[in-house]
Amino acid sequence: MANAFEYAPAPESRAVVDIKPSYGLFIDGDFVDGQGQSFKTINPATEEVLSEVAEASESDVDTAVRAARRAYTRVWSRMSGAERGKYLFRIARIMQERAREIAVLESIDNGKPIKEARDFDVPTAAAHFFYYAGWADKLKYSGFGDTPLGVAGQVIPWNFPLLMLAWKIAPALACGNTVVLKPAETTPLTALLFAEICQQADLPPGVVNIVTGAGATGHALVSHDDVDKVAFTGSTDVGRAIAKAVAGSRKKVTLELGGKAANIVFDDAPIDQAVEGIVGGIFFNQGHVCCAGSRLLVQESVAEEVMDRLKRRMSTLRMGDPLDKNTDIGAINSGEQLKRIRELAGVGDAEGAERWEVACDLPTKGFWFPPTLFTGVSQAHRIAREEIFGPVLSVLTFRTPAEAVEKANNTPYGLSAGVWTDKGSRILSIANQLRAGVVWANTFNKFDPTSPFGGYKESGYGREGGRHGLEGYLKGTDA
């Protein structure tokens, strides 16, 4: 991609990771062979096959759930909160000690830039284990009781594999539950490395179990009769199917689903800061973010200035080798996702929106899509309504605060939003009117383990993170 400043390549060493030719399932404290077919996991930046991974069958899932139940009944639920907390602290410290190895593996398996895996994913994941380790012996002060549910079945997505694992496993273990977790089929490697960390931490066998596979494995897990809690992060369509599968059962459920967040820029906003927030809001992690600011709502009086500065800033983004420390935009996670991004971008063209993207030479191997924005977008356009989950920004304009709120709320989703203005009173007023679970003011895509995260409408229900993240793993005070 053309840049004002050229950089010499600064690749991170791949030698710090040891990717095995094949991986089994992690059940009852050991790696075991699965009974299903194996599948390949590839590097999306090069299409290189990284490893063969076992696909868990329904029988494998049953074995994992039984192991989790034994560990819950005999060990974990009987252990004091203080003792459980020691294990979580130990896991967090090991994650920090092995941070470079984890970050490189995440970048290779996912396609995300190494600087994001290194500076965001891994430290934030460790921070979640530290945070919930502190809660383990203080549950009676949580407001949600201190009685665990039992066995948690957890299904996580491919956009933040390790971080979503931490969001789910850390609070579950802190509350005294045991876990069977299924990572996404395109990004299983850091979950399997986490299994090694559990062994290194001497976590009792069966407390954490990792079953790899695709949709059938996930269905077997969430439908298992001996699973007490289902936690899912992923698409709204799959979340809807899970809700139907567990309807009428005793299972407790949290769903963190899709989004189409509005990032609202008023005419009194600090434009340079807002442009950085727009870029971070949509192009962070290649736009593979459920809360990405994929709809830019900009006030008409500053729209031309914002567009000019945004295009200049986009022209400086560096796309390429995810392991290069200078890279801003990595690879799309899979060929299937790239196909969907291309399809919806094509729909934007067909519906009359104006596409703009920086001219650049895309790598010949792997899955790549350049940072792109569409102007002339109306609320009726599919690119303004559907989650693209890629580096594509739809730009709309507004004249008044009321119009901004009306357009921001005109979506079936309700996960996140952003407001850019120098008036504190306007921030509070707009935030109170936005129908979104998270609203950022003069920033975007900021996360902290102490802060709850989640949405409503078709973005799901339940909260993860913070004290509220404990609620989904406890029986409550009236149980």
Protein backbone atom coordinates (compact mmCIF):
# COMPACT_ATOMS: atom_id res chain seq x y z
CA MET A 1 0.00 0.00 0.00
CA ALA A 2 1.36 3.47 -0.82
CA ASN A 3 2.77 5.24 2.22
CA ALA A 4 4.21 8.63 3.00
CA PHE A 5 6.93 6.90 5.00
CA GLU A 6 8.53 3.64 4.03
CA TYR A 7 9.48 1.17 6.71
CA ALA A 8 11.98 -1.64 6.60
CA PRO A 9 10.33 -5.00 7.29
CA ALA A 10 10.29 -5.86 10.99
CA PRO A 11 8.96 -9.42 11.17
CA GLU A 12 8.42 -11.10 14.53
CA SER A 13 10.24 -14.41 14.84
CA ARG A 14 8.12 -17.44 14.16
CA ALA A 15 10.67 -19.61 15.95
CA VAL A 16 9.11 -18.82 19.34
CA VAL A 17 6.15 -21.13 18.62
CA ASP A 18 6.16 -24.88 18.26
CA ILE A 19 3.18 -25.85 16.12
CA LYS A 20 2.66 -29.59 16.24
CA PRO A 21 1.73 -31.50 13.06
CA SER A 22 -1.49 -32.67 14.72
CA TYR A 23 -3.57 -31.98 17.82
CA GLY A 24 -6.05 -34.08 19.75
CA LEU A 25 -8.78 -33.06 22.16
CA PHE A 26 -8.05 -31.85 25.69
CA ILE A 27 -10.24 -33.91 28.00
CA ASP A 28 -9.82 -34.68 31.71
CA GLY A 29 -6.38 -33.09 31.85
CA ASP A 30 -4.83 -34.92 28.87
CA PHE A 31 -4.68 -34.65 25.11
CA VAL A 32 -6.57 -37.57 23.57
CA ASP A 33 -7.45 -38.70 20.06
CA GLY A 34 -10.89 -37.76 18.83
CA GLN A 35 -13.30 -40.21 17.24
CA GLY A 36 -14.29 -37.88 14.40
CA GLN A 37 -12.41 -36.82 11.28
CA SER A 38 -9.54 -34.38 11.59
CA PHE A 39 -9.54 -31.01 9.84
CA LYS A 40 -6.83 -28.61 8.73
CA THR A 41 -6.16 -25.21 10.21
CA ILE A 42 -4.38 -22.81 7.88
CA ASN A 43 -2.55 -19.51 7.98
CA PRO A 44 -5.01 -17.12 6.29
CA ALA A 45 -2.18 -14.83 5.19
CA THR A 46 -0.46 -17.54 3.15
CA GLU A 47 -2.95 -20.47 2.97
CA GLU A 48 -0.18 -22.65 4.47
CA VAL A 49 -1.52 -25.66 6.35
CA LEU A 50 -0.44 -25.25 9.97
CA SER A 51 -1.73 -28.43 11.57
CA GLU A 52 -4.30 -31.24 11.55
CA VAL A 53 -6.81 -30.88 14.38
CA ALA A 54 -9.18 -33.53 15.74
CA GLU A 55 -12.89 -32.98 15.22
CA ALA A 56 -14.83 -33.96 18.34
CA SER A 57 -17.73 -36.31 17.74
CA GLU A 58 -20.91 -36.38 19.81
CA SER A 59 -19.34 -39.19 21.83
CA ASP A 60 -16.19 -37.10 22.43
CA VAL A 61 -18.32 -34.21 23.64
CA ASP A 62 -20.14 -36.54 26.00
CA THR A 63 -16.80 -37.76 27.39
CA ALA A 64 -15.69 -34.17 27.93
CA VAL A 65 -18.93 -33.19 29.68
CA ARG A 66 -18.66 -36.26 31.94
CA ALA A 67 -15.09 -35.28 32.84
CA ALA A 68 -16.23 -31.75 33.61
CA ARG A 69 -19.07 -33.09 35.80
CA ARG A 70 -16.71 -35.32 37.78
CA ALA A 71 -14.28 -32.46 38.31
CA TYR A 72 -17.14 -30.20 39.38
CA THR A 73 -18.63 -32.69 41.83
CA ARG A 74 -15.46 -34.08 43.35
CA VAL A 75 -12.99 -31.18 43.28
CA TRP A 76 -13.80 -27.74 41.94
CA SER A 77 -17.13 -26.98 43.61
CA ARG A 78 -15.74 -28.19 46.94
CA MET A 79 -12.64 -26.02 46.76
CA SER A 80 -12.65 -22.70 48.59
CA GLY A 81 -12.84 -19.53 46.54
CA ALA A 82 -9.40 -18.51 47.74
CA GLU A 83 -7.92 -21.77 46.43
CA ARG A 84 -9.69 -21.41 43.08
CA GLY A 85 -8.37 -17.88 42.88
CA LYS A 86 -4.80 -19.14 43.26
CA TYR A 87 -5.21 -21.28 40.14
CA LEU A 88 -6.59 -18.33 38.17
CA PHE A 89 -3.73 -16.11 39.31
CA ARG A 90 -1.30 -18.84 38.27
CA ILE A 91 -2.88 -19.15 34.82
CA ALA A 92 -2.74 -15.35 34.36
CA ARG A 93 0.93 -15.22 35.28
CA ILE A 94 1.81 -18.07 32.91
CA MET A 95 -0.08 -16.29 30.12
CA GLN A 96 2.06 -13.23 30.76
CA GLU A 97 5.25 -15.30 30.84
CA ARG A 98 4.35 -16.95 27.52
CA ALA A 99 2.82 -13.80 26.01
CA ARG A 100 5.16 -13.55 23.03
CA GLU A 101 4.60 -17.19 22.08
CA ILE A 102 0.82 -16.84 22.39
CA ALA A 103 0.74 -13.61 20.38
CA VAL A 104 2.75 -15.07 17.50
CA LEU A 105 0.58 -18.18 17.40
CA GLU A 106 -2.60 -16.08 17.44
CA SER A 107 -1.31 -13.93 14.59
CA ILE A 108 -0.35 -16.94 12.47
CA ASP A 109 -3.61 -18.83 13.02
CA ASN A 110 -5.95 -15.84 12.83
CA GLY A 111 -4.27 -13.42 10.39
CA LYS A 112 -4.41 -10.44 12.75
CA PRO A 113 -1.43 -8.04 13.01
CA ILE A 114 1.13 -9.11 15.59
CA LYS A 115 1.00 -5.73 17.27
CA GLU A 116 -2.70 -6.21 18.02
CA ALA A 117 -2.23 -9.75 19.31
CA ARG A 118 0.80 -8.64 21.34
CA ASP A 119 -0.54 -5.34 22.70
CA PHE A 120 -4.26 -6.07 23.03
CA ASP A 121 -5.41 -9.70 22.85
CA VAL A 122 -2.89 -11.37 25.14
CA PRO A 123 -2.56 -8.71 27.87
CA THR A 124 -6.32 -8.18 27.99
CA ALA A 125 -6.90 -11.95 28.24
CA ALA A 126 -4.44 -12.22 31.13
CA ALA A 127 -6.08 -9.21 32.77
CA HIS A 128 -9.42 -11.02 32.76
CA PHE A 129 -7.91 -13.96 34.64
CA PHE A 130 -6.30 -11.59 37.16
CA TYR A 131 -9.58 -9.72 37.61
CA TYR A 132 -11.76 -12.80 38.15
CA ALA A 133 -9.11 -14.43 40.34
CA GLY A 134 -9.75 -11.55 42.70
CA TRP A 135 -13.50 -12.24 42.69
CA ALA A 136 -13.20 -15.98 43.49
CA ASP A 137 -13.25 -15.52 47.29
CA LYS A 138 -15.60 -12.51 47.28
CA LEU A 139 -18.62 -13.92 45.46
CA LYS A 140 -20.95 -13.32 48.40
CA TYR A 141 -20.45 -9.59 47.75
CA SER A 142 -21.28 -9.87 44.05
CA GLY A 143 -25.01 -9.47 44.50
CA PHE A 144 -25.65 -12.67 42.56
CA GLY A 145 -25.07 -15.26 45.30
CA ASP A 146 -22.09 -17.59 45.52
CA THR A 147 -23.50 -20.91 44.27
CA PRO A 148 -22.09 -22.17 40.95
CA LEU A 149 -24.28 -23.67 38.25
CA GLY A 150 -22.23 -26.79 37.38
CA VAL A 151 -20.87 -27.51 33.89
CA ALA A 152 -20.58 -24.65 31.39
CA GLY A 153 -20.63 -25.35 27.64
CA GLN A 154 -18.91 -22.47 25.86
CA VAL A 155 -18.58 -21.75 22.13
CA ILE A 156 -16.26 -18.95 21.02
CA PRO A 157 -15.65 -17.19 17.68
CA TRP A 158 -12.60 -16.77 15.47
CA ASN A 159 -12.07 -13.02 15.68
CA PHE A 160 -10.52 -12.90 19.18
CA PRO A 161 -9.85 -16.58 19.96
CA LEU A 162 -7.81 -16.23 23.15
CA LEU A 163 -9.60 -13.14 24.46
CA MET A 164 -13.06 -14.68 24.04
CA LEU A 165 -11.75 -17.81 25.77
CA ALA A 166 -10.66 -15.65 28.72
CA TRP A 167 -13.99 -13.77 28.79
CA LYS A 168 -15.76 -17.09 29.26
CA ILE A 169 -13.44 -19.41 31.18
CA ALA A 170 -12.18 -16.92 33.79
CA PRO A 171 -15.57 -15.98 35.34
CA ALA A 172 -16.84 -19.56 35.03
CA LEU A 173 -13.92 -20.98 37.02
CA ALA A 174 -13.94 -18.15 39.55
CA CYS A 175 -17.57 -18.95 40.35
CA GLY A 176 -16.80 -22.66 40.85
CA ASN A 177 -18.06 -24.06 37.53
CA THR A 178 -16.16 -26.42 35.27
CA VAL A 179 -15.92 -25.89 31.52
CA VAL A 180 -16.12 -27.59 28.14
CA LEU A 181 -15.08 -25.05 25.50
CA LYS A 182 -15.23 -25.28 21.73
CA PRO A 183 -13.05 -22.82 19.77
CA ALA A 184 -13.84 -21.86 16.17
CA GLU A 185 -12.69 -24.37 13.57
CA THR A 186 -10.50 -21.78 11.79
CA THR A 187 -8.65 -20.66 14.93
CA PRO A 188 -8.21 -23.56 17.39
CA LEU A 189 -4.49 -23.27 18.14
CA THR A 190 -4.37 -20.75 21.00
CA ALA A 191 -7.16 -22.63 22.81
CA LEU A 192 -5.04 -25.78 22.55
CA LEU A 193 -2.03 -23.82 23.80
CA PHE A 194 -4.20 -22.66 26.70
CA ALA A 195 -4.82 -26.34 27.48
CA GLU A 196 -1.05 -26.70 27.88
CA ILE A 197 -1.11 -23.69 30.22
CA CYS A 198 -3.77 -25.43 32.32
CA GLN A 199 -1.45 -28.43 32.60
CA GLN A 200 1.47 -26.14 33.49
CA ALA A 201 -0.67 -24.52 36.20
CA ASP A 202 -1.54 -27.98 37.63
CA LEU A 203 -5.23 -27.24 37.21
CA PRO A 204 -7.15 -30.32 38.41
CA PRO A 205 -8.07 -32.65 35.51
CA GLY A 206 -11.50 -32.04 34.00
CA VAL A 207 -11.91 -28.46 35.23
CA VAL A 208 -11.19 -27.18 31.70
CA ASN A 209 -11.82 -29.32 28.61
CA ILE A 210 -11.25 -28.19 25.01
CA VAL A 211 -13.15 -29.89 22.18
CA THR A 212 -12.33 -28.77 18.64
CA GLY A 213 -14.63 -29.01 15.65
CA ALA A 214 -17.25 -27.17 13.62
CA GLY A 215 -20.98 -26.67 13.91
CA ALA A 216 -21.88 -30.27 14.71
CA THR A 217 -19.48 -30.28 17.66
CA GLY A 218 -20.92 -27.02 18.95
CA HIS A 219 -24.47 -28.34 18.59
CA ALA A 220 -23.59 -31.49 20.51
CA LEU A 221 -22.12 -29.37 23.29
CA VAL A 222 -24.93 -26.85 23.77
CA SER A 223 -27.57 -29.59 23.46
CA HIS A 224 -25.96 -31.94 25.97
CA ASP A 225 -28.38 -32.75 28.80
CA ASP A 226 -25.71 -32.44 31.50
CA VAL A 227 -24.62 -28.92 30.55
CA ASP A 228 -26.04 -26.35 32.98
CA LYS A 229 -24.91 -23.18 31.28
CA VAL A 230 -24.43 -22.20 27.64
CA ALA A 231 -22.29 -19.19 26.67
CA PHE A 232 -21.92 -18.26 23.02
CA THR A 233 -20.26 -15.45 21.09
CA GLY A 234 -20.77 -15.36 17.34
CA SER A 235 -23.29 -14.61 14.63
CA THR A 236 -26.91 -13.74 15.30
CA ASP A 237 -28.07 -16.63 13.11
CA VAL A 238 -26.16 -19.22 15.13
CA GLY A 239 -27.18 -17.53 18.39
CA ARG A 240 -30.81 -17.79 17.33
CA ALA A 241 -30.34 -21.52 16.59
CA ILE A 242 -28.76 -22.05 20.01
CA ALA A 243 -31.62 -20.23 21.73
CA LYS A 244 -34.07 -22.57 19.99
CA ALA A 245 -31.98 -25.65 20.90
CA VAL A 246 -31.97 -24.85 24.62
CA ALA A 247 -35.49 -23.41 24.83
CA GLY A 248 -37.52 -25.19 27.47
CA SER A 249 -34.47 -26.64 29.20
CA ARG A 250 -33.08 -25.63 32.58
CA LYS A 251 -29.92 -24.24 30.98
CA LYS A 252 -28.85 -20.69 31.70
CA VAL A 253 -27.79 -18.88 28.52
CA THR A 254 -25.80 -15.81 27.55
CA LEU A 255 -25.48 -14.77 23.91
CA GLU A 256 -23.12 -12.11 22.56
CA LEU A 257 -24.05 -11.70 18.90
CA GLY A 258 -23.71 -9.33 15.99
CA GLY A 259 -23.76 -5.56 15.70
CA LYS A 260 -23.92 -2.62 13.31
CA ALA A 261 -22.60 0.14 15.53
CA ALA A 262 -23.04 3.82 14.75
CA ASN A 263 -20.02 6.07 15.29
CA ILE A 264 -21.49 9.59 15.50
CA VAL A 265 -19.30 12.63 14.78
CA PHE A 266 -20.74 16.05 15.62
CA ASP A 267 -19.45 19.29 14.13
CA ASP A 268 -17.79 20.37 17.39
CA ALA A 269 -15.75 17.17 17.69
CA PRO A 270 -11.94 17.29 17.61
CA ILE A 271 -11.66 16.11 14.01
CA ASP A 272 -8.18 14.59 14.12
CA GLN A 273 -9.05 12.56 17.21
CA ALA A 274 -12.36 11.53 15.68
CA VAL A 275 -10.61 10.33 12.52
CA GLU A 276 -8.31 8.15 14.63
CA GLY A 277 -11.38 6.82 16.42
CA ILE A 278 -13.13 6.10 13.12
CA VAL A 279 -10.08 4.20 11.82
CA GLY A 280 -9.69 2.26 15.06
CA GLY A 281 -13.42 1.65 15.22
CA ILE A 282 -13.73 -0.09 11.84
CA PHE A 283 -10.26 -1.24 10.75
CA PHE A 284 -9.03 -2.69 14.07
CA ASN A 285 -8.71 -6.47 13.61
CA GLN A 286 -9.69 -6.08 9.91
CA GLY A 287 -13.19 -5.12 11.03
CA HIS A 288 -13.69 -8.59 12.48
CA VAL A 289 -15.26 -7.05 15.58
CA CYS A 290 -18.90 -7.49 16.62
CA CYS A 291 -18.94 -3.95 18.05
CA ALA A 292 -17.05 -2.36 15.12
CA GLY A 293 -18.08 1.18 14.25
CA SER A 294 -19.18 0.09 10.79
CA ARG A 295 -21.67 2.96 10.30
CA LEU A 296 -20.15 6.44 10.39
CA LEU A 297 -22.74 9.15 11.02
CA VAL A 298 -21.14 12.53 10.43
CA GLN A 299 -22.77 15.95 10.72
CA GLU A 300 -23.22 17.52 7.28
CA SER A 301 -21.35 20.74 8.09
CA VAL A 302 -18.07 18.85 8.67
CA ALA A 303 -18.66 15.84 6.44
CA GLU A 304 -16.37 16.99 3.62
CA GLU A 305 -13.53 17.83 6.02
CA VAL A 306 -13.90 14.52 7.87
CA MET A 307 -13.90 12.56 4.61
CA ASP A 308 -10.78 14.32 3.34
CA ARG A 309 -8.86 13.64 6.54
CA LEU A 310 -10.17 10.09 6.82
CA LYS A 311 -9.02 9.23 3.29
CA ARG A 312 -5.58 10.70 3.99
CA ARG A 313 -5.33 8.64 7.18
CA MET A 314 -6.50 5.47 5.45
CA SER A 315 -3.79 6.01 2.84
CA THR A 316 -1.15 5.59 5.54
CA LEU A 317 -2.44 2.23 6.81
CA ARG A 318 -0.02 -0.60 6.12
CA MET A 319 -1.52 -3.88 4.99
CA GLY A 320 0.50 -7.07 4.64
CA ASP A 321 2.40 -9.71 6.60
CA PRO A 322 0.59 -10.03 9.95
CA LEU A 323 3.85 -10.91 11.68
CA ASP A 324 5.45 -7.62 10.59
CA LYS A 325 5.40 -5.23 13.56
CA ASN A 326 4.59 -2.31 11.21
CA THR A 327 1.44 -3.92 9.82
CA ASP A 328 -1.89 -2.21 10.57
CA ILE A 329 -4.22 -4.42 8.51
CA GLY A 330 -3.76 -8.18 8.40
CA ALA A 331 -5.48 -10.96 6.50
CA ILE A 332 -9.17 -11.82 6.39
CA ASN A 333 -9.63 -14.91 8.55
CA SER A 334 -10.97 -17.29 5.92
CA GLY A 335 -11.93 -17.65 2.29
CA GLU A 336 -15.57 -17.97 3.34
CA GLN A 337 -15.48 -14.64 5.19
CA LEU A 338 -13.68 -12.94 2.31
CA LYS A 339 -16.43 -14.14 -0.02
CA ARG A 340 -19.10 -12.58 2.22
CA ILE A 341 -17.23 -9.26 2.41
CA ARG A 342 -16.85 -9.14 -1.37
CA GLU A 343 -20.51 -10.02 -1.83
CA LEU A 344 -21.79 -7.24 0.44
CA ALA A 345 -19.33 -4.69 -0.99
CA GLY A 346 -20.65 -5.63 -4.43
CA VAL A 347 -24.18 -5.07 -3.19
CA GLY A 348 -23.10 -1.59 -2.08
CA ASP A 349 -21.91 -0.87 -5.62
CA ALA A 350 -25.10 -2.25 -7.14
CA GLU A 351 -27.30 -0.17 -4.83
CA GLY A 352 -25.59 3.05 -5.91
CA ALA A 353 -23.22 3.81 -3.05
CA GLU A 354 -19.82 5.26 -3.99
CA ARG A 355 -16.88 3.02 -3.11
CA TRP A 356 -13.46 4.45 -2.19
CA GLU A 357 -10.42 2.40 -1.30
CA VAL A 358 -6.70 3.03 -1.27
CA ALA A 359 -4.98 1.72 -4.37
CA CYS A 360 -2.68 -1.08 -3.32
CA ASP A 361 -1.26 -4.38 -4.45
CA LEU A 362 -2.80 -7.22 -2.50
CA PRO A 363 -0.69 -10.31 -1.76
CA THR A 364 -1.23 -13.07 -4.29
CA LYS A 365 -1.66 -15.76 -1.63
CA GLY A 366 -4.05 -15.69 1.29
CA PHE A 367 -7.29 -13.79 1.94
CA TRP A 368 -7.13 -10.00 1.67
CA PHE A 369 -9.53 -7.09 1.38
CA PRO A 370 -8.39 -3.44 1.39
CA PRO A 371 -9.77 -0.87 3.85
CA THR A 372 -12.83 0.51 2.08
CA LEU A 373 -15.46 3.17 2.65
CA PHE A 374 -18.77 3.82 0.95
CA THR A 375 -20.35 7.28 0.74
CA GLY A 376 -23.79 8.15 -0.56
CA VAL A 377 -25.22 5.44 1.67
CA SER A 378 -28.87 5.55 2.72
CA GLN A 379 -30.49 3.68 5.59
CA ALA A 380 -32.13 1.35 3.07
CA HIS A 381 -28.81 0.08 1.74
CA ARG A 382 -27.84 -3.42 2.84
CA ILE A 383 -24.33 -2.20 3.69
CA ALA A 384 -25.94 0.12 6.24
CA ARG A 385 -28.08 -2.63 7.74
CA GLU A 386 -26.20 -5.94 7.58
CA GLU A 387 -23.10 -6.88 9.53
CA ILE A 388 -20.24 -7.17 7.02
CA PHE A 389 -17.61 -8.17 9.61
CA GLY A 390 -14.80 -6.80 7.50
CA PRO A 391 -12.86 -3.56 6.82
CA VAL A 392 -15.78 -1.78 5.16
CA LEU A 393 -17.19 1.52 6.44
CA SER A 394 -20.60 2.89 5.43
CA VAL A 395 -20.87 6.67 5.71
CA LEU A 396 -24.15 8.51 6.30
CA THR A 397 -24.74 12.15 7.22
CA PHE A 398 -27.16 13.97 9.53
CA ARG A 399 -28.16 17.56 10.27
CA THR A 400 -29.53 17.51 13.82
CA PRO A 401 -28.87 15.46 17.00
CA ALA A 402 -32.39 14.02 16.74
CA GLU A 403 -31.70 12.80 13.21
CA ALA A 404 -28.42 11.25 14.37
CA VAL A 405 -30.17 9.32 17.13
CA GLU A 406 -32.96 8.19 14.79
CA LYS A 407 -30.47 6.85 12.25
CA ALA A 408 -28.22 5.28 14.88
CA ASN A 409 -31.14 3.37 16.39
CA ASN A 410 -32.51 2.28 13.02
CA THR A 411 -30.96 -1.18 13.19
CA PRO A 412 -32.03 -4.58 14.49
CA TYR A 413 -28.83 -4.67 16.54
CA GLY A 414 -28.03 -2.98 19.84
CA LEU A 415 -24.48 -3.77 20.82
CA SER A 416 -22.39 -0.58 20.76
CA ALA A 417 -22.12 3.03 19.58
CA GLY A 418 -19.75 5.99 19.74
CA VAL A 419 -20.24 9.74 20.20
CA TRP A 420 -17.69 12.42 19.27
CA THR A 421 -18.28 15.95 20.59
CA ASP A 422 -16.63 18.42 22.96
CA LYS A 423 -19.83 18.92 24.98
CA GLY A 424 -20.24 16.65 28.00
CA SER A 425 -23.95 17.44 28.21
CA ARG A 426 -24.41 16.31 24.60
CA ILE A 427 -22.55 13.06 25.29
CA LEU A 428 -24.87 12.25 28.19
CA SER A 429 -27.98 13.26 26.28
CA ILE A 430 -27.15 11.22 23.15
CA ALA A 431 -25.88 8.21 25.09
CA ASN A 432 -29.15 8.05 27.02
CA GLN A 433 -31.10 7.94 23.76
CA LEU A 434 -28.98 5.35 21.96
CA ARG A 435 -30.29 1.79 22.12
CA ALA A 436 -26.91 0.13 22.53
CA GLY A 437 -25.38 -1.92 25.33
CA VAL A 438 -22.08 -0.01 25.21
CA VAL A 439 -21.59 3.66 24.27
CA TRP A 440 -18.08 5.10 23.97
CA ALA A 441 -17.53 8.86 24.21
CA ASN A 442 -14.64 10.40 22.26
CA THR A 443 -13.06 6.99 21.88
CA PHE A 444 -13.99 3.59 20.43
CA ASN A 445 -13.26 -0.10 20.92
CA LYS A 446 -11.89 0.24 24.44
CA PHE A 447 -12.22 -2.75 26.77
CA ASP A 448 -11.44 -3.42 30.40
CA PRO A 449 -12.07 -6.55 32.49
CA THR A 450 -13.86 -4.46 35.12
CA SER A 451 -16.46 -3.19 32.64
CA PRO A 452 -19.50 -5.23 31.56
CA PHE A 453 -20.06 -5.78 27.84
CA GLY A 454 -23.13 -6.97 25.97
CA GLY A 455 -26.11 -5.88 23.92
CA TYR A 456 -29.79 -6.28 23.42
CA LYS A 457 -32.25 -6.68 20.56
CA GLU A 458 -30.59 -9.02 18.02
CA SER A 459 -27.18 -8.45 19.63
CA GLY A 460 -28.03 -10.99 22.32
CA TYR A 461 -28.50 -10.91 26.07
CA GLY A 462 -26.47 -11.31 29.23
CA ARG A 463 -23.25 -9.52 30.12
CA GLU A 464 -19.60 -10.53 30.11
CA GLY A 465 -16.89 -8.69 32.00
CA GLY A 466 -17.00 -6.87 35.30
CA ARG A 467 -19.12 -7.83 38.29
CA HIS A 468 -22.08 -8.36 35.96
CA GLY A 469 -20.12 -11.08 34.16
CA LEU A 470 -20.45 -13.25 37.27
CA GLU A 471 -24.24 -13.32 37.09
CA GLY A 472 -24.36 -15.79 34.22
CA TYR A 473 -22.34 -18.35 36.20
CA LEU A 474 -24.14 -18.19 39.58
CA LYS A 475 -27.55 -19.45 40.67
CA GLY A 476 -28.56 -16.13 42.18
CA THR A 477 -29.58 -15.14 45.66
CA ASP A 478 -33.06 -16.66 45.46
CA ALA A 479 -31.90 -20.09 44.25
